Amino acid sequence: IEATSAQFGKRLATFDPRRDREVVVTFDEPAKLVVQLEGDTAGGQDFHVLVRSARAMQHPPAMAGAAAAGVEGVARVEPLQPGRYDVLLVRGTRGRWAELARMAVTAGPASTAVRMVVPRLHDVTFENVRGALEVTRTDVREWAMDSVSPNAQHAATVHGLPSGAYRATTDGQRVTFSVPVGGRVRLPDPVPAGASPFR
């Protein structure tokens, strides 16, 4: 017999009609995860905590919950079934998000409190940008592109990048760089139409 509860999840129980007149299904108390952010949580950054199942056989991992970090730097994710989870700290920007940190947590039953450190974030200004610029982190899996448009001076700024390896691309231009980078990255001149990008 499978018993399902919106709050407590699913549980299986064995029932033999030849010897059992009733069956009792016991649900575990739901877990609550409280994540306290430490470090620089100001500056208008949009921090969220994503909680994913850590079961090795699930591909992709199932999303178990998510919560925004309030002004006090605390995110509360509930209810959760007791178990092992991967907890991701992400920064949201215009509907996109990027992983800043992650940790493995065993939650519940009842309440589990953990602390996550917000890494130092950097603003990077790109020069000689001739079209819409896309910036992608290349050394982590969980990363959504930042996309910005240049101003009249052919410059574009991307805010809130953690330390790591990146690739910036636009029409006819591409550059790899690492953060921190000193605040500025100059893109090479665009490759003329019909010309080979290799020299």
Protein backbone atom coordinates (compact mmCIF):
# COMPACT_ATOMS: atom_id res chain seq x y z
CA ILE A 1 0.00 0.00 0.00
CA GLU A 2 1.29 3.46 -0.90
CA ALA A 3 0.13 6.32 1.28
CA THR A 4 0.62 9.89 0.07
CA SER A 5 0.49 13.14 1.99
CA ALA A 6 0.95 16.59 0.47
CA GLN A 7 2.88 17.61 3.57
CA PHE A 8 4.69 14.43 4.53
CA GLY A 9 5.38 12.80 1.14
CA LYS A 10 4.96 9.11 0.26
CA ARG A 11 5.29 6.01 2.43
CA LEU A 12 4.91 2.30 1.62
CA ALA A 13 3.36 -0.25 3.96
CA THR A 14 2.86 -4.01 3.60
CA PHE A 15 -0.69 -5.35 3.92
CA ASP A 16 -1.59 -9.06 3.85
CA PRO A 17 -5.40 -9.55 3.76
CA ARG A 18 -5.03 -13.14 5.01
CA ARG A 19 -3.70 -11.99 8.38
CA ASP A 20 -4.06 -8.21 8.60
CA ARG A 21 -7.30 -6.41 9.42
CA GLU A 22 -5.70 -2.98 9.24
CA VAL A 23 -2.39 -1.35 8.45
CA VAL A 24 -0.79 1.67 10.10
CA VAL A 25 1.28 4.07 7.99
CA THR A 26 3.69 6.30 9.90
CA PHE A 27 4.94 9.49 8.29
CA ASP A 28 8.14 11.22 9.32
CA GLU A 29 7.89 14.73 10.68
CA PRO A 30 8.64 17.14 7.83
CA ALA A 31 11.99 18.87 7.81
CA LYS A 32 12.68 22.59 7.63
CA LEU A 33 15.97 23.99 6.38
CA VAL A 34 17.11 27.41 7.59
CA VAL A 35 20.06 28.90 5.69
CA GLN A 36 21.88 31.87 7.22
CA LEU A 37 24.02 33.79 4.73
CA GLU A 38 27.31 35.22 5.94
CA GLY A 39 29.37 37.88 4.19
CA ASP A 40 28.27 40.72 1.96
CA THR A 41 24.53 40.27 1.43
CA ALA A 42 23.92 43.94 0.59
CA GLY A 43 24.43 45.77 -2.68
CA GLY A 44 21.05 44.93 -4.21
CA GLN A 45 21.97 41.33 -5.06
CA ASP A 46 19.04 38.93 -5.45
CA PHE A 47 20.11 35.86 -3.44
CA HIS A 48 18.11 32.63 -3.52
CA VAL A 49 18.62 29.19 -2.01
CA LEU A 50 17.78 26.15 -4.15
CA VAL A 51 17.44 22.70 -2.55
CA ARG A 52 17.87 19.63 -4.74
CA SER A 53 17.72 15.92 -4.04
CA ALA A 54 21.15 14.37 -3.52
CA ARG A 55 20.03 10.90 -4.65
CA ALA A 56 22.70 9.61 -7.01
CA MET A 57 20.20 7.85 -9.30
CA GLN A 58 18.20 10.98 -10.10
CA HIS A 59 19.30 12.76 -13.28
CA PRO A 60 18.69 15.64 -13.35
CA PRO A 61 18.35 16.10 -9.58
CA ALA A 62 14.79 16.76 -8.45
CA MET A 63 14.08 20.23 -7.07
CA ALA A 64 12.84 19.90 -3.49
CA GLY A 65 12.37 23.55 -2.62
CA ALA A 66 13.55 27.13 -3.02
CA ALA A 67 13.43 30.36 -1.05
CA ALA A 68 14.63 33.93 -1.37
CA ALA A 69 16.99 35.31 1.25
CA GLY A 70 15.35 38.20 3.06
CA VAL A 71 16.97 41.46 4.07
CA GLU A 72 18.37 39.72 7.15
CA GLY A 73 20.16 37.18 4.95
CA VAL A 74 18.03 34.19 5.98
CA ALA A 75 16.26 31.73 3.66
CA ARG A 76 13.77 29.18 4.99
CA VAL A 77 12.87 26.15 2.85
CA GLU A 78 9.97 23.97 4.01
CA PRO A 79 8.45 21.46 4.10
CA LEU A 80 11.08 18.90 3.10
CA GLN A 81 11.16 15.16 3.51
CA PRO A 82 14.05 14.19 5.79
CA GLY A 83 17.05 13.20 3.70
CA ARG A 84 20.20 14.34 1.91
CA TYR A 85 20.16 17.43 -0.27
CA ASP A 86 22.45 19.67 -2.29
CA VAL A 87 21.93 23.28 -1.25
CA LEU A 88 22.84 25.93 -3.84
CA LEU A 89 23.26 29.64 -3.23
CA VAL A 90 22.43 31.49 -6.44
CA ARG A 91 22.23 35.09 -7.60
CA GLY A 92 19.27 36.05 -9.74
CA THR A 93 19.47 38.71 -12.44
CA ARG A 94 16.60 39.55 -14.80
CA GLY A 95 15.15 36.06 -14.67
CA ARG A 96 18.58 34.42 -14.91
CA TRP A 97 20.59 32.96 -12.07
CA ALA A 98 24.14 31.88 -11.34
CA GLU A 99 25.60 29.54 -8.73
CA LEU A 100 27.73 31.21 -6.07
CA ALA A 101 28.22 28.34 -3.59
CA ARG A 102 26.91 24.87 -2.77
CA MET A 103 27.02 22.40 0.11
CA ALA A 104 25.65 18.97 1.01
CA VAL A 105 23.15 18.89 3.88
CA THR A 106 21.25 16.16 5.72
CA ALA A 107 17.92 17.67 6.73
CA GLY A 108 15.49 16.73 9.48
CA PRO A 109 13.43 15.64 10.98
CA ALA A 110 12.34 19.00 12.44
CA SER A 111 14.58 22.02 11.78
CA THR A 112 18.14 22.04 10.41
CA ALA A 113 20.16 25.27 10.41
CA VAL A 114 23.25 25.81 8.24
CA ARG A 115 25.46 28.74 7.30
CA MET A 116 26.63 29.60 3.79
CA VAL A 117 29.30 32.16 2.98
CA VAL A 118 28.54 34.64 0.22
CA PRO A 119 31.73 34.96 -1.85
CA ARG A 120 33.10 38.35 -2.77
CA LEU A 121 31.41 39.59 -5.94
CA HIS A 122 32.98 41.77 -8.61
CA ASP A 123 31.74 44.22 -11.24
CA VAL A 124 33.48 43.90 -14.60
CA THR A 125 33.35 46.51 -17.37
CA PHE A 126 33.92 45.32 -20.95
CA GLU A 127 35.37 47.69 -23.53
CA ASN A 128 35.21 47.64 -27.34
CA VAL A 129 31.86 45.80 -27.27
CA ARG A 130 30.18 45.90 -30.70
CA GLY A 131 26.96 44.00 -29.97
CA ALA A 132 24.91 42.29 -27.27
CA LEU A 133 27.42 40.72 -24.88
CA GLU A 134 26.99 37.29 -23.30
CA VAL A 135 29.13 36.31 -20.30
CA THR A 136 29.30 32.63 -19.29
CA ARG A 137 31.19 31.03 -16.44
CA THR A 138 33.18 28.02 -17.66
CA ASP A 139 34.38 26.35 -14.45
CA VAL A 140 31.03 25.39 -12.85
CA ARG A 141 28.00 23.55 -14.22
CA GLU A 142 25.22 25.60 -12.70
CA TRP A 143 25.48 28.92 -14.49
CA ALA A 144 23.08 30.92 -16.62
CA MET A 145 24.46 33.52 -18.99
CA ASP A 146 24.45 37.21 -18.18
CA SER A 147 23.47 39.23 -21.22
CA VAL A 148 24.04 43.00 -21.49
CA SER A 149 23.99 45.62 -24.24
CA PRO A 150 26.79 48.15 -24.75
CA ASN A 151 26.37 51.88 -24.32
CA ALA A 152 27.27 54.55 -26.88
CA GLN A 153 30.94 54.29 -25.86
CA HIS A 154 30.92 50.53 -26.70
CA ALA A 155 31.22 49.58 -23.02
CA ALA A 156 29.07 47.20 -20.95
CA THR A 157 29.20 46.33 -17.24
CA VAL A 158 28.23 43.00 -15.66
CA HIS A 159 27.58 43.16 -11.92
CA GLY A 160 28.05 40.56 -9.19
CA LEU A 161 30.50 38.06 -10.70
CA PRO A 162 32.21 35.70 -8.23
CA SER A 163 35.83 34.66 -8.72
CA GLY A 164 36.20 32.11 -11.52
CA ALA A 165 36.87 31.51 -15.21
CA TYR A 166 34.62 33.12 -17.83
CA ARG A 167 34.00 33.53 -21.54
CA ALA A 168 32.59 36.71 -23.08
CA THR A 169 31.18 36.58 -26.61
CA THR A 170 29.38 38.82 -29.06
CA ASP A 171 29.16 39.01 -32.85
CA GLY A 172 32.66 38.48 -34.19
CA GLN A 173 34.28 38.89 -30.77
CA ARG A 174 35.29 36.44 -28.07
CA VAL A 175 37.59 36.55 -25.06
CA THR A 176 38.29 34.34 -22.04
CA PHE A 177 39.22 35.87 -18.71
CA SER A 178 39.35 35.23 -14.98
CA VAL A 179 37.74 37.17 -12.14
CA PRO A 180 39.07 39.14 -10.32
CA VAL A 181 40.48 40.83 -13.38
CA GLY A 182 41.11 44.38 -12.23
CA GLY A 183 37.67 45.60 -13.19
CA ARG A 184 38.09 45.87 -16.99
CA VAL A 185 38.26 43.51 -19.97
CA ARG A 186 38.87 44.71 -23.52
CA LEU A 187 37.39 42.64 -26.32
CA PRO A 188 39.41 42.17 -29.52
CA ASP A 189 38.34 43.98 -32.66
CA PRO A 190 35.56 42.15 -34.56
CA VAL A 191 36.64 39.77 -37.30
CA PRO A 192 35.64 41.29 -40.68
CA ALA A 193 32.98 39.41 -42.62
CA GLY A 194 34.58 36.66 -44.73
CA ALA A 195 37.87 36.79 -42.85
CA SER A 196 39.28 33.82 -40.95
CA PRO A 197 39.32 34.24 -37.14
CA PHE A 198 42.58 32.24 -37.10
CA ARG A 199 45.93 33.83 -37.83
